[in-house]
Amino acid sequence: MKTLNYRVILFAFALIFGVVFSIPSLLQSQSGKKITLGLDLQGGLHMLLGVKSEVAVESKLKSIAASIKYTFDDEEIIFDELRLEEGKSITFELLDEDDASKAKQLLKNDIPGIVLNENGLKFTVAMTEEEVLQTKQNAISQAVDTIRGRLNEFGLAEPTVAKQGEDKILVEVPGIKTQEDEQRIRELVARAAHLQLMAVDEGKIARVETMSEDEARSYGDVILTDIYTPERYLLHQIPVLDGSMLIDAKVGFDENNQPVINFTLNGQGAKIFGDFTAKNVGKRMAVVLDNKVYSAPVIRERIGGGHVQISGNFTVPEAHDLAIALRSGALLAPVFVEEKRSVGPSLGADSIKASSVALASGFVLVVIFMIFYYGMAGVIANIALIGNLFLILAIMSLFGATLTLPGMAGIVLTVGMAVDANVIISERIRELLREGKSIAKSIEDGYSNAFTAILDANITTLVAAVALYVYGTGPIKGFALTMSIGILASMFTAIAGTHGIYQWILPKIDRKKTGFWFGMKAGEK
C-alpha cells in the first residue's frame, strides 16, 4: 500500500484541529474560546430610539456662532452682542463701519449654508432651509454611526444598529441579562457626550443665584449647574470650542489615584484653546458635558498642546464609558428610548432547536445522497464534509465570532457548497473512467479538470460574501462570515483532503468494482 501523503496528513491535522477547538462551543464548557450567540439565539436587549433632530440645528448654530467669534477676534474685527435668538438665528453688531465689508466676505467664504441679513451695522445669520434639512438628516445618520461605534468599543458581540423609517434607530444588543448591564448600555447609547469649554461671565456671576434664565439669555449667557452640587454658573452662551474638535479621550488617574478623563484637541482646537487661555489668565473656564459643569478652574497661564482634563467623582466603569462616548463623538441630536424590550432566552432556545434540526436534516440528507449515488466516493466526500463543519466551528470559536440565525443559514448553505465540489470531481472521474483511462489517471485528471470550475465558483461566492461583510450590519455580517469561512474550509477539505485520501487508498481501488467505488451503473465502462 502507498504510504501516507502530505495531503492526508494535512487533512488529518485539520480534522484534529477542528474537533479540539470546536469542543468548547459544542459542549458550552466554561474553559476555552467559544462561539458567541447572537440576540436571536441567546436573547438580549431590543430598543427603538427616537431622535430630537431639531436640537441638532441649534447645536449647529452654536458652532457657527463660535466660529464667527473666533474669526472676528482673529481678524481684530470689533463686534458686540453676539448671541443666539431662540435657537433659530445669530445676531451681532459691528462697532466699526469699516469692518462691514470684510466681515461679510469672511462669513461668505468661511461658513457655507447661511443667509446673511443686515440692518446698518446689525447683522442676522440664519441657516438656509436646505442646510436645516441636511443637518437634521445628518443628525440621524451620525447617531447611527456613533451609537454603533460606542457599542463596538464597549466590546459587545455583533450589536445591530440601523436606521428605521425616517427618524428612528433600531438597536439590538445580544447577551444583556442583568439590570446593571442594561442600564449601562442605555446610558452609553443615549448619552449625548456633548463637550463644551465655556467662559464664565465674571462680571455678572455674583448675581447668578437671583438671576432668571430669561435675564441670563438677555445678556447672551446661560445658567448651568454643577454635576455634583447645586452650585450655579453663569456662562457665555457661545462656547469657546466644542467636542467636534476632540480627537481622543482616555481614562487616567490624578495624584489622588482617582479616575479622570484626559482628552486631546485637534490642531484648530488646540490653537483656539491656547489663544483663549493666553488672553484670559486669572479668569475661569468651565468644562461642560451634556449641559452640566464638571469643573470651572481658574486659568493660571496659557495652556498649549490641546490637552484638557475632566475630573469628577467617577468610578472606573463610569470613566471608561464616558471616554468611549467622547471618542466616538457627540450625538448631534439627543436620542430617547421609544420602545424597549428584553428578548428572553426561550426564543433563543427555540431558534437554536429549529436551526439545529434544519442543519442536521440537511446534513443527513446530503450524506445519504452522496453514499447512495457515488458509493465510496460519496463516503470520502462525507468525510471531507464533516471536516469542513468542524473547521468552521473551530475558526469561529478562535475568533470569538457571533453566531446568529442567518449565520446558521450560512452553515447550512455551506454544507451544500462543500459537497458540490466533490460532485464536480466525482463526475469528472466518472467521465474519464468511461473513456477507458486508468484509475490513477482518472483521479489525477479529474481533480485537474475540476479545479478551475471549483475555484471560479468559490472565488465569486467569496467576493460576494466579503462585500456583504464589509457593507452589511448585524446578522448580515454573521451570514457573510460563516459563508466566507465555509468556502475557504471547503476548498481545502474538498480538494486537498479528498485528493489525498484517493492517493492513499489508490492501490485498493479495483477497476472491476467501479460501481462500489464511484457509484457507476452496471454496464458503464
Protein backbone atom coordinates (compact mmCIF):
# COMPACT_ATOMS: atom_id res chain seq x y z
CA MET A 1 0.00 0.00 0.00
CA LYS A 2 1.17 3.51 -0.79
CA THR A 3 2.43 5.43 2.23
CA LEU A 4 0.58 8.38 3.66
CA ASN A 5 0.98 11.53 1.55
CA TYR A 6 1.21 15.13 2.71
CA ARG A 7 -2.40 15.87 1.69
CA VAL A 8 -3.78 13.20 4.03
CA ILE A 9 -1.50 14.31 6.84
CA LEU A 10 -2.63 17.96 6.47
CA PHE A 11 -6.26 16.88 6.36
CA ALA A 12 -5.81 14.74 9.49
CA PHE A 13 -4.24 17.66 11.36
CA ALA A 14 -7.04 19.96 10.16
CA LEU A 15 -9.66 17.46 11.37
CA ILE A 16 -7.99 17.15 14.79
CA PHE A 17 -7.70 20.96 14.99
CA GLY A 18 -11.39 21.34 14.11
CA VAL A 19 -12.57 18.78 16.67
CA VAL A 20 -10.40 20.09 19.52
CA PHE A 21 -11.32 23.75 19.14
CA SER A 22 -14.99 23.02 18.44
CA ILE A 23 -15.50 21.12 21.70
CA PRO A 24 -15.88 24.22 23.98
CA SER A 25 -18.62 25.60 21.71
CA LEU A 26 -20.37 22.27 21.21
CA LEU A 27 -20.34 21.39 24.94
CA GLN A 28 -20.64 25.03 26.12
CA SER A 29 -17.84 24.37 28.61
CA GLN A 30 -16.56 27.10 30.93
CA SER A 31 -12.99 26.91 29.63
CA GLY A 32 -11.73 27.58 26.13
CA LYS A 33 -12.78 30.03 23.44
CA LYS A 34 -16.36 29.67 22.30
CA ILE A 35 -18.71 30.98 19.65
CA THR A 36 -20.86 33.82 20.92
CA LEU A 37 -24.57 33.51 20.23
CA GLY A 38 -26.42 36.48 18.74
CA LEU A 39 -29.55 38.21 20.03
CA ASP A 40 -31.87 35.85 18.16
CA LEU A 41 -30.21 32.80 19.75
CA GLN A 42 -29.41 33.83 23.33
CA GLY A 43 -31.69 36.81 23.96
CA GLY A 44 -30.72 40.35 24.85
CA LEU A 45 -31.88 43.95 24.65
CA HIS A 46 -34.07 45.43 21.90
CA MET A 47 -34.56 49.21 21.74
CA LEU A 48 -36.22 51.61 19.33
CA LEU A 49 -34.80 55.13 19.66
CA GLY A 50 -36.23 58.45 18.59
CA VAL A 51 -34.02 61.39 17.58
CA LYS A 52 -34.65 65.04 18.51
CA SER A 53 -33.21 66.28 15.24
CA GLU A 54 -34.30 69.89 15.85
CA VAL A 55 -31.71 70.13 18.63
CA ALA A 56 -29.02 69.43 16.02
CA VAL A 57 -29.99 72.65 14.25
CA GLU A 58 -29.50 74.68 17.43
CA SER A 59 -26.15 72.96 18.08
CA LYS A 60 -25.06 73.76 14.53
CA LEU A 61 -25.96 77.41 15.11
CA LYS A 62 -23.88 77.44 18.31
CA SER A 63 -20.95 76.00 16.39
CA ILE A 64 -21.40 78.66 13.69
CA ALA A 65 -21.53 81.38 16.36
CA ALA A 66 -18.31 80.07 17.94
CA SER A 67 -16.65 80.14 14.51
CA ILE A 68 -17.81 83.73 13.91
CA LYS A 69 -16.46 84.82 17.30
CA TYR A 70 -13.09 83.17 16.75
CA THR A 71 -12.78 84.53 13.18
CA PHE A 72 -13.66 88.10 14.19
CA ASP A 73 -11.28 88.00 17.16
CA ASP A 74 -8.51 86.61 14.98
CA GLU A 75 -9.09 89.31 12.32
CA GLU A 76 -9.46 92.02 15.00
CA ILE A 77 -13.00 92.91 13.92
CA ILE A 78 -14.74 94.71 16.77
CA PHE A 79 -18.28 93.49 17.45
CA ASP A 80 -20.85 93.46 20.24
CA GLU A 81 -23.81 91.35 21.41
CA LEU A 82 -23.12 88.10 19.58
CA ARG A 83 -25.99 85.87 20.66
CA LEU A 84 -28.45 83.16 19.64
CA GLU A 85 -32.06 84.18 19.05
CA GLU A 86 -34.43 81.35 20.10
CA GLY A 87 -32.17 78.76 18.54
CA LYS A 88 -33.04 79.97 15.02
CA SER A 89 -30.55 82.70 14.18
CA ILE A 90 -27.44 84.54 15.34
CA THR A 91 -27.29 88.29 15.79
CA PHE A 92 -24.35 90.64 16.29
CA GLU A 93 -23.50 94.29 15.81
CA LEU A 94 -20.28 95.70 14.38
CA LEU A 95 -18.82 98.76 16.09
CA ASP A 96 -16.74 99.98 13.14
CA GLU A 97 -18.35 100.63 9.77
CA ASP A 98 -15.02 99.99 8.03
CA ASP A 99 -15.20 96.31 9.16
CA ALA A 100 -18.57 95.62 7.49
CA SER A 101 -17.39 94.57 4.03
CA LYS A 102 -14.54 92.48 5.45
CA ALA A 103 -16.88 90.74 7.92
CA LYS A 104 -19.40 89.89 5.19
CA GLN A 105 -16.69 88.49 2.94
CA LEU A 106 -15.29 86.32 5.74
CA LEU A 107 -18.72 84.91 6.57
CA LYS A 108 -19.50 84.07 2.94
CA ASN A 109 -16.12 82.41 2.38
CA ASP A 110 -15.75 80.51 5.67
CA ILE A 111 -19.30 79.45 6.59
CA PRO A 112 -21.39 77.73 3.89
CA GLY A 113 -25.14 77.21 4.05
CA ILE A 114 -26.09 80.51 5.71
CA VAL A 115 -28.27 83.50 4.90
CA LEU A 116 -26.88 86.89 5.96
CA ASN A 117 -29.20 89.85 6.56
CA GLU A 118 -28.01 93.31 7.57
CA ASN A 119 -29.63 96.40 9.01
CA GLY A 120 -26.98 99.06 9.22
CA LEU A 121 -24.26 97.52 11.37
CA LYS A 122 -26.62 94.94 12.88
CA PHE A 123 -26.41 91.51 11.24
CA THR A 124 -28.53 88.36 11.42
CA VAL A 125 -27.15 84.98 10.39
CA ALA A 126 -29.54 82.08 9.74
CA MET A 127 -29.21 78.65 8.14
CA THR A 128 -30.80 78.06 4.75
CA GLU A 129 -33.77 75.66 4.58
CA GLU A 130 -31.63 73.16 2.68
CA GLU A 131 -28.95 73.36 5.38
CA VAL A 132 -31.53 72.85 8.14
CA LEU A 133 -32.94 69.76 6.41
CA GLN A 134 -29.45 68.39 5.72
CA THR A 135 -28.45 68.97 9.36
CA LYS A 136 -31.46 67.00 10.62
CA GLN A 137 -30.73 64.12 8.25
CA ASN A 138 -27.06 64.17 9.19
CA ALA A 139 -28.02 64.04 12.88
CA ILE A 140 -29.88 60.76 12.37
CA SER A 141 -27.17 59.18 10.18
CA GLN A 142 -24.45 60.35 12.57
CA ALA A 143 -26.40 58.95 15.55
CA VAL A 144 -26.48 55.52 13.89
CA ASP A 145 -22.70 55.56 13.26
CA THR A 146 -21.89 56.99 16.69
CA ILE A 147 -24.03 54.51 18.63
CA ARG A 148 -22.62 51.61 16.60
CA GLY A 149 -19.08 52.85 17.32
CA ARG A 150 -19.78 53.12 21.05
CA LEU A 151 -21.20 49.61 21.28
CA ASN A 152 -18.30 48.17 19.27
CA GLU A 153 -15.76 49.91 21.54
CA PHE A 154 -17.66 48.62 24.57
CA GLY A 155 -16.73 45.12 23.39
CA LEU A 156 -20.22 43.84 22.68
CA ALA A 157 -20.72 40.90 20.32
CA GLU A 158 -22.17 41.97 16.98
CA PRO A 159 -24.71 44.62 18.01
CA THR A 160 -27.29 45.69 15.45
CA VAL A 161 -27.71 49.46 14.93
CA ALA A 162 -29.75 50.56 11.93
CA LYS A 163 -31.96 53.43 10.79
CA GLN A 164 -35.63 52.51 10.80
CA GLY A 165 -38.13 54.69 8.97
CA GLU A 166 -37.39 58.40 8.64
CA ASP A 167 -36.26 59.28 12.17
CA LYS A 168 -35.98 56.10 14.25
CA ILE A 169 -32.99 53.93 15.17
CA LEU A 170 -33.16 50.22 15.93
CA VAL A 171 -30.64 48.89 18.47
CA GLU A 172 -30.30 45.20 19.35
CA VAL A 173 -27.62 44.02 21.77
CA PRO A 174 -27.21 40.28 22.46
CA GLY A 175 -26.23 38.77 25.79
CA ILE A 176 -27.59 41.52 28.08
CA LYS A 177 -29.10 39.64 31.00
CA THR A 178 -28.80 41.83 34.12
CA GLN A 179 -30.40 45.15 35.02
CA GLU A 180 -26.96 46.66 35.65
CA ASP A 181 -25.71 45.77 32.16
CA GLU A 182 -28.94 47.02 30.60
CA GLN A 183 -28.66 50.34 32.43
CA ARG A 184 -25.04 50.82 31.32
CA ILE A 185 -25.95 50.12 27.69
CA ARG A 186 -28.91 52.52 27.81
CA GLU A 187 -26.76 55.28 29.29
CA LEU A 188 -23.97 54.65 26.80
CA VAL A 189 -26.38 54.74 23.85
CA ALA A 190 -28.40 57.76 24.97
CA ARG A 191 -25.54 59.89 26.33
CA ALA A 192 -25.18 62.97 24.15
CA ALA A 193 -21.49 63.36 25.14
CA HIS A 194 -21.67 66.98 24.03
CA LEU A 195 -18.47 68.57 25.32
CA GLN A 196 -18.07 72.34 25.52
CA LEU A 197 -15.46 74.63 27.00
CA MET A 198 -17.28 77.79 28.07
CA ALA A 199 -16.09 81.08 29.56
CA VAL A 200 -17.52 82.17 32.92
CA ASP A 201 -19.19 85.61 32.85
CA GLU A 202 -17.08 87.05 35.65
CA GLY A 203 -18.83 90.43 35.58
CA LYS A 204 -22.31 89.13 36.42
CA ILE A 205 -21.77 85.75 38.11
CA ALA A 206 -22.15 87.31 41.57
CA ARG A 207 -25.88 87.71 40.80
CA VAL A 208 -26.36 84.20 39.37
CA GLU A 209 -28.38 82.93 42.35
CA THR A 210 -31.06 85.55 41.84
CA MET A 211 -30.91 85.69 38.06
CA SER A 212 -33.58 84.07 35.89
CA GLU A 213 -32.94 82.09 32.70
CA ASP A 214 -34.56 84.86 30.62
CA GLU A 215 -32.37 87.56 32.17
CA ALA A 216 -29.24 85.47 31.55
CA ARG A 217 -30.33 84.96 27.95
CA SER A 218 -30.74 88.72 27.50
CA TYR A 219 -27.03 89.08 28.34
CA GLY A 220 -26.06 86.32 25.89
CA ASP A 221 -25.42 83.96 28.81
CA VAL A 222 -26.74 80.63 30.04
CA ILE A 223 -27.09 79.25 33.58
CA LEU A 224 -25.81 75.71 34.13
CA THR A 225 -25.47 73.73 37.36
CA ASP A 226 -22.62 71.69 38.77
CA ILE A 227 -22.80 67.93 38.13
CA TYR A 228 -22.44 67.09 41.83
CA THR A 229 -23.63 70.16 43.78
CA PRO A 230 -26.46 72.71 43.48
CA GLU A 231 -23.92 75.44 42.57
CA ARG A 232 -24.95 77.52 39.54
CA TYR A 233 -22.64 79.01 36.93
CA LEU A 234 -23.27 81.93 34.61
CA LEU A 235 -21.51 81.14 31.34
CA HIS A 236 -21.26 82.89 27.99
CA GLN A 237 -23.73 81.15 25.71
CA ILE A 238 -21.32 80.85 22.82
CA PRO A 239 -18.73 78.18 23.74
CA VAL A 240 -15.00 78.71 23.32
CA LEU A 241 -14.92 75.38 21.48
CA ASP A 242 -16.85 72.10 21.47
CA GLY A 243 -16.34 68.35 21.16
CA SER A 244 -16.20 68.43 17.37
CA MET A 245 -12.54 69.40 17.80
CA LEU A 246 -11.77 66.44 20.07
CA ILE A 247 -9.64 63.65 18.59
CA ASP A 248 -9.02 61.33 21.56
CA ALA A 249 -10.19 60.65 25.11
CA LYS A 250 -8.60 58.23 27.59
CA VAL A 251 -9.06 57.26 31.22
CA GLY A 252 -6.26 58.36 33.55
CA PHE A 253 -5.69 58.85 37.25
CA ASP A 254 -4.90 62.02 39.19
CA GLU A 255 -2.48 62.47 42.09
CA ASN A 256 -5.11 61.01 44.45
CA ASN A 257 -5.48 57.92 42.23
CA GLN A 258 -9.00 58.99 41.20
CA PRO A 259 -10.19 58.31 37.63
CA VAL A 260 -10.12 61.31 35.26
CA ILE A 261 -10.71 61.77 31.53
CA ASN A 262 -7.81 63.17 29.52
CA PHE A 263 -8.78 64.40 26.09
CA THR A 264 -6.83 65.83 23.18
CA LEU A 265 -7.93 68.53 20.72
CA ASN A 266 -7.14 68.73 17.04
CA GLY A 267 -4.87 71.44 15.59
CA GLN A 268 -7.60 74.06 15.25
CA GLY A 269 -8.99 73.31 18.71
CA ALA A 270 -5.53 73.45 20.30
CA LYS A 271 -4.89 76.88 18.71
CA ILE A 272 -8.27 78.27 19.83
CA PHE A 273 -7.75 76.85 23.33
CA GLY A 274 -4.21 78.20 23.57
CA ASP A 275 -5.20 81.68 22.35
CA PHE A 276 -8.19 81.86 24.70
CA THR A 277 -6.22 80.82 27.80
CA ALA A 278 -3.47 83.31 26.93
CA LYS A 279 -5.98 86.20 26.79
CA ASN A 280 -7.94 85.17 29.89
CA VAL A 281 -5.34 84.47 32.58
CA GLY A 282 -6.95 84.89 36.01
CA LYS A 283 -10.45 84.12 34.72
CA ARG A 284 -12.37 80.88 34.88
CA MET A 285 -13.31 78.47 32.12
CA ALA A 286 -15.91 75.74 32.64
CA VAL A 287 -15.68 72.20 31.31
CA VAL A 288 -19.28 71.38 30.36
CA LEU A 289 -20.54 67.95 29.37
CA ASP A 290 -24.18 67.47 28.39
CA ASN A 291 -25.09 70.86 29.92
CA LYS A 292 -23.57 70.00 33.31
CA VAL A 293 -20.47 71.74 34.69
CA TYR A 294 -17.79 69.23 35.70
CA SER A 295 -15.21 71.82 36.72
CA ALA A 296 -14.54 75.54 36.37
CA PRO A 297 -10.84 76.10 37.12
CA VAL A 298 -9.07 79.46 37.10
CA ILE A 299 -6.73 79.88 34.13
CA ARG A 300 -3.23 80.36 35.59
CA GLU A 301 -1.29 80.56 32.33
CA ARG A 302 -1.54 79.87 28.62
CA ILE A 303 -2.27 76.18 28.04
CA GLY A 304 -0.80 74.84 24.80
CA GLY A 305 -0.76 71.40 23.25
CA GLY A 306 -4.53 70.95 23.26
CA HIS A 307 -4.65 68.67 26.31
CA VAL A 308 -7.60 69.06 28.70
CA GLN A 309 -8.79 67.03 31.67
CA ILE A 310 -12.24 66.26 33.10
CA SER A 311 -12.21 65.35 36.77
CA GLY A 312 -15.09 64.26 38.96
CA ASN A 313 -16.24 61.56 41.33
CA PHE A 314 -16.11 58.91 38.62
CA THR A 315 -15.99 55.20 39.19
CA VAL A 316 -13.65 53.38 36.82
CA PRO A 317 -16.57 51.91 34.75
CA GLU A 318 -18.18 55.38 34.53
CA ALA A 319 -14.91 56.93 33.36
CA HIS A 320 -14.45 54.11 30.83
CA ASP A 321 -17.96 54.57 29.41
CA LEU A 322 -17.56 58.35 29.26
CA ALA A 323 -14.25 58.05 27.41
CA ILE A 324 -15.90 55.73 24.89
CA ALA A 325 -18.72 58.23 24.36
CA LEU A 326 -16.27 61.11 23.88
CA ARG A 327 -14.02 59.16 21.50
CA SER A 328 -16.91 58.01 19.35
CA GLY A 329 -18.16 61.58 19.05
CA ALA A 330 -21.05 63.57 20.42
CA LEU A 331 -24.54 62.93 19.20
CA LEU A 332 -25.62 65.91 17.10
CA ALA A 333 -29.12 65.46 18.49
CA PRO A 334 -30.35 63.75 21.70
CA VAL A 335 -31.91 60.30 21.40
CA PHE A 336 -34.63 58.88 23.60
CA VAL A 337 -35.98 55.37 24.09
CA GLU A 338 -39.38 54.96 22.46
CA GLU A 339 -39.61 51.22 22.93
CA LYS A 340 -37.59 48.76 25.00
CA ARG A 341 -38.00 45.06 25.50
CA SER A 342 -35.86 42.15 26.55
CA VAL A 343 -35.75 39.11 24.28
CA GLY A 344 -35.96 36.12 26.58
CA PRO A 345 -33.74 33.03 26.34
CA SER A 346 -36.76 30.86 25.42
CA LEU A 347 -36.79 32.44 21.95
CA GLY A 348 -33.12 31.62 21.62
CA ALA A 349 -33.67 28.00 22.70
CA ASP A 350 -36.48 27.56 20.17
CA SER A 351 -34.41 29.17 17.44
CA ILE A 352 -31.40 27.01 18.20
CA LYS A 353 -33.55 23.88 18.20
CA ALA A 354 -35.22 24.72 14.88
CA SER A 355 -31.93 25.69 13.25
CA SER A 356 -30.17 22.61 14.58
CA VAL A 357 -32.93 20.39 13.16
CA ALA A 358 -32.58 22.13 9.79
CA LEU A 359 -28.79 21.77 9.82
CA ALA A 360 -28.91 18.13 10.91
CA SER A 361 -31.64 17.25 8.38
CA GLY A 362 -29.78 18.91 5.53
CA PHE A 363 -26.53 17.24 6.55
CA VAL A 364 -28.05 13.75 6.84
CA LEU A 365 -29.87 14.04 3.50
CA VAL A 366 -26.68 15.14 1.75
CA VAL A 367 -24.71 12.28 3.36
CA ILE A 368 -27.30 9.68 2.32
CA PHE A 369 -27.49 11.02 -1.23
CA MET A 370 -23.71 11.05 -1.67
CA ILE A 371 -23.33 7.46 -0.45
CA PHE A 372 -26.27 6.21 -2.50
CA TYR A 373 -25.23 7.96 -5.72
CA TYR A 374 -21.43 7.90 -5.57
CA GLY A 375 -20.63 4.88 -3.40
CA MET A 376 -17.25 5.05 -1.65
CA ALA A 377 -16.51 8.33 -3.43
CA GLY A 378 -19.55 9.67 -1.58
CA VAL A 379 -18.17 8.35 1.73
CA ILE A 380 -14.89 10.19 1.08
CA ALA A 381 -16.84 13.36 0.24
CA ASN A 382 -18.79 13.00 3.50
CA ILE A 383 -15.56 12.71 5.49
CA ALA A 384 -14.46 16.00 3.92
CA LEU A 385 -17.87 17.49 4.74
CA ILE A 386 -17.55 16.54 8.42
CA GLY A 387 -14.07 18.06 8.49
CA ASN A 388 -15.45 21.21 6.88
CA LEU A 389 -18.11 21.65 9.60
CA PHE A 390 -15.57 21.17 12.40
CA LEU A 391 -13.19 23.67 10.77
CA ILE A 392 -15.95 26.30 10.53
CA LEU A 393 -16.85 25.88 14.22
CA ALA A 394 -13.18 25.88 15.30
CA ILE A 395 -12.23 29.02 13.39
CA MET A 396 -15.34 30.89 14.57
CA SER A 397 -14.57 29.82 18.15
CA LEU A 398 -10.95 31.02 17.99
CA PHE A 399 -12.00 34.45 16.76
CA GLY A 400 -14.93 34.68 19.19
CA ALA A 401 -17.32 35.17 16.27
CA THR A 402 -21.03 35.68 16.84
CA LEU A 403 -23.46 33.08 15.52
CA THR A 404 -26.92 34.28 14.54
CA LEU A 405 -29.82 32.62 12.74
CA PRO A 406 -28.58 33.95 9.37
CA GLY A 407 -25.17 32.60 10.34
CA MET A 408 -26.64 29.15 10.88
CA ALA A 409 -28.32 29.51 7.49
CA GLY A 410 -24.86 30.23 6.09
CA ILE A 411 -23.57 26.98 7.58
CA VAL A 412 -26.47 25.02 6.06
CA LEU A 413 -25.73 26.63 2.69
CA THR A 414 -22.03 25.82 3.11
CA VAL A 415 -22.89 22.14 3.52
CA GLY A 416 -24.36 22.14 0.02
CA MET A 417 -21.50 24.18 -1.42
CA ALA A 418 -18.84 21.96 0.20
CA VAL A 419 -20.26 18.78 -1.27
CA ASP A 420 -20.78 20.47 -4.65
CA ALA A 421 -17.01 20.48 -5.27
CA ASN A 422 -16.87 16.73 -4.69
CA VAL A 423 -19.83 16.20 -7.02
CA ILE A 424 -17.93 18.01 -9.78
CA ILE A 425 -14.76 16.00 -9.08
CA SER A 426 -16.62 12.67 -8.96
CA GLU A 427 -18.36 13.38 -12.25
CA ARG A 428 -15.04 14.28 -13.91
CA ILE A 429 -13.53 11.00 -12.65
CA ARG A 430 -16.53 9.06 -13.97
CA GLU A 431 -16.19 10.67 -17.41
CA LEU A 432 -12.54 9.70 -17.63
CA LEU A 433 -13.23 6.13 -16.49
CA ARG A 434 -15.87 5.80 -19.24
CA GLU A 435 -13.20 6.88 -21.72
CA GLY A 436 -11.16 3.89 -20.62
CA LYS A 437 -8.42 5.66 -18.68
CA SER A 438 -6.80 4.04 -15.68
CA ILE A 439 -7.99 4.64 -12.12
CA ALA A 440 -4.88 6.66 -11.22
CA LYS A 441 -5.05 8.74 -14.42
CA SER A 442 -8.80 9.35 -14.00
CA ILE A 443 -8.37 10.56 -10.42
CA GLU A 444 -5.47 12.89 -11.21
CA ASP A 445 -7.03 14.33 -14.36
CA GLY A 446 -10.44 14.51 -12.65
CA TYR A 447 -9.05 16.79 -9.97
CA SER A 448 -7.06 18.77 -12.53
CA ASN A 449 -10.08 19.30 -14.82
CA ALA A 450 -12.47 20.15 -11.97
CA PHE A 451 -10.15 22.55 -10.19
CA THR A 452 -10.74 25.57 -12.45
CA ALA A 453 -14.54 25.32 -12.25
CA ILE A 454 -14.45 24.86 -8.46
CA LEU A 455 -12.01 27.74 -7.97
CA ASP A 456 -14.04 30.15 -10.13
CA ALA A 457 -17.32 29.31 -8.40
CA ASN A 458 -15.85 29.65 -4.90
CA ILE A 459 -13.97 32.89 -5.61
CA THR A 460 -17.08 34.61 -6.99
CA THR A 461 -19.09 33.49 -3.96
CA LEU A 462 -16.30 34.58 -1.62
CA VAL A 463 -16.21 38.06 -3.21
CA ALA A 464 -19.97 38.39 -2.64
CA ALA A 465 -19.58 37.22 0.98
CA VAL A 466 -16.78 39.73 1.63
CA ALA A 467 -18.91 42.54 0.18
CA LEU A 468 -21.78 41.53 2.46
CA TYR A 469 -19.45 41.56 5.47
CA VAL A 470 -17.96 44.96 4.63
CA TYR A 471 -21.22 46.74 3.85
CA GLY A 472 -23.69 44.70 5.91
CA THR A 473 -24.56 45.13 9.57
CA GLY A 474 -25.51 42.82 12.44
CA PRO A 475 -26.83 39.40 11.34
CA ILE A 476 -25.82 40.06 7.70
CA LYS A 477 -22.19 40.11 8.86
CA GLY A 478 -22.78 36.78 10.65
CA PHE A 479 -24.12 35.19 7.47
CA ALA A 480 -21.21 36.56 5.42
CA LEU A 481 -18.64 35.40 7.99
CA THR A 482 -19.85 31.79 8.14
CA MET A 483 -20.08 31.72 4.35
CA SER A 484 -16.52 33.03 3.95
CA ILE A 485 -15.05 30.58 6.46
CA GLY A 486 -17.08 27.74 4.95
CA ILE A 487 -15.90 28.49 1.42
CA LEU A 488 -12.23 28.57 2.42
CA ALA A 489 -12.58 25.43 4.54
CA SER A 490 -14.41 23.56 1.76
CA MET A 491 -11.69 24.46 -0.75
CA PHE A 492 -9.17 22.72 1.48
CA THR A 493 -11.22 19.70 2.57
CA ALA A 494 -12.95 19.04 -0.75
CA ILE A 495 -9.85 19.36 -2.92
CA ALA A 496 -6.70 18.73 -0.88
CA GLY A 497 -8.30 16.43 1.69
CA THR A 498 -10.22 14.07 -0.62
CA HIS A 499 -7.41 14.07 -3.19
CA GLY A 500 -5.01 12.86 -0.52
CA ILE A 501 -7.40 10.12 0.58
CA TYR A 502 -7.73 8.87 -3.00
CA GLN A 503 -3.94 8.82 -3.39
CA TRP A 504 -3.62 6.93 -0.11
CA ILE A 505 -6.15 4.20 -0.92
CA LEU A 506 -5.39 4.03 -4.68
CA PRO A 507 -3.82 0.52 -4.53
CA LYS A 508 -7.07 -0.88 -3.11
CA ILE A 509 -9.37 0.59 -5.77
CA ASP A 510 -10.41 -2.20 -8.14
CA ARG A 511 -11.18 -1.31 -11.75
CA LYS A 512 -13.81 -4.05 -11.83
CA LYS A 513 -15.70 -2.53 -8.90
CA THR A 514 -16.28 0.99 -10.17
CA GLY A 515 -19.91 0.72 -9.06
CA PHE A 516 -18.76 0.25 -5.46
CA TRP A 517 -16.04 2.90 -5.59
CA PHE A 518 -17.65 5.58 -7.79
CA GLY A 519 -21.34 4.60 -7.99
CA MET A 520 -21.20 3.88 -11.71
CA LYS A 521 -24.11 1.84 -13.03
CA ALA A 522 -23.64 -1.68 -14.33
CA GLY A 523 -22.65 -1.73 -17.96
CA GLU A 524 -20.76 1.59 -17.79
CA LYS A 525 -17.13 1.37 -18.78
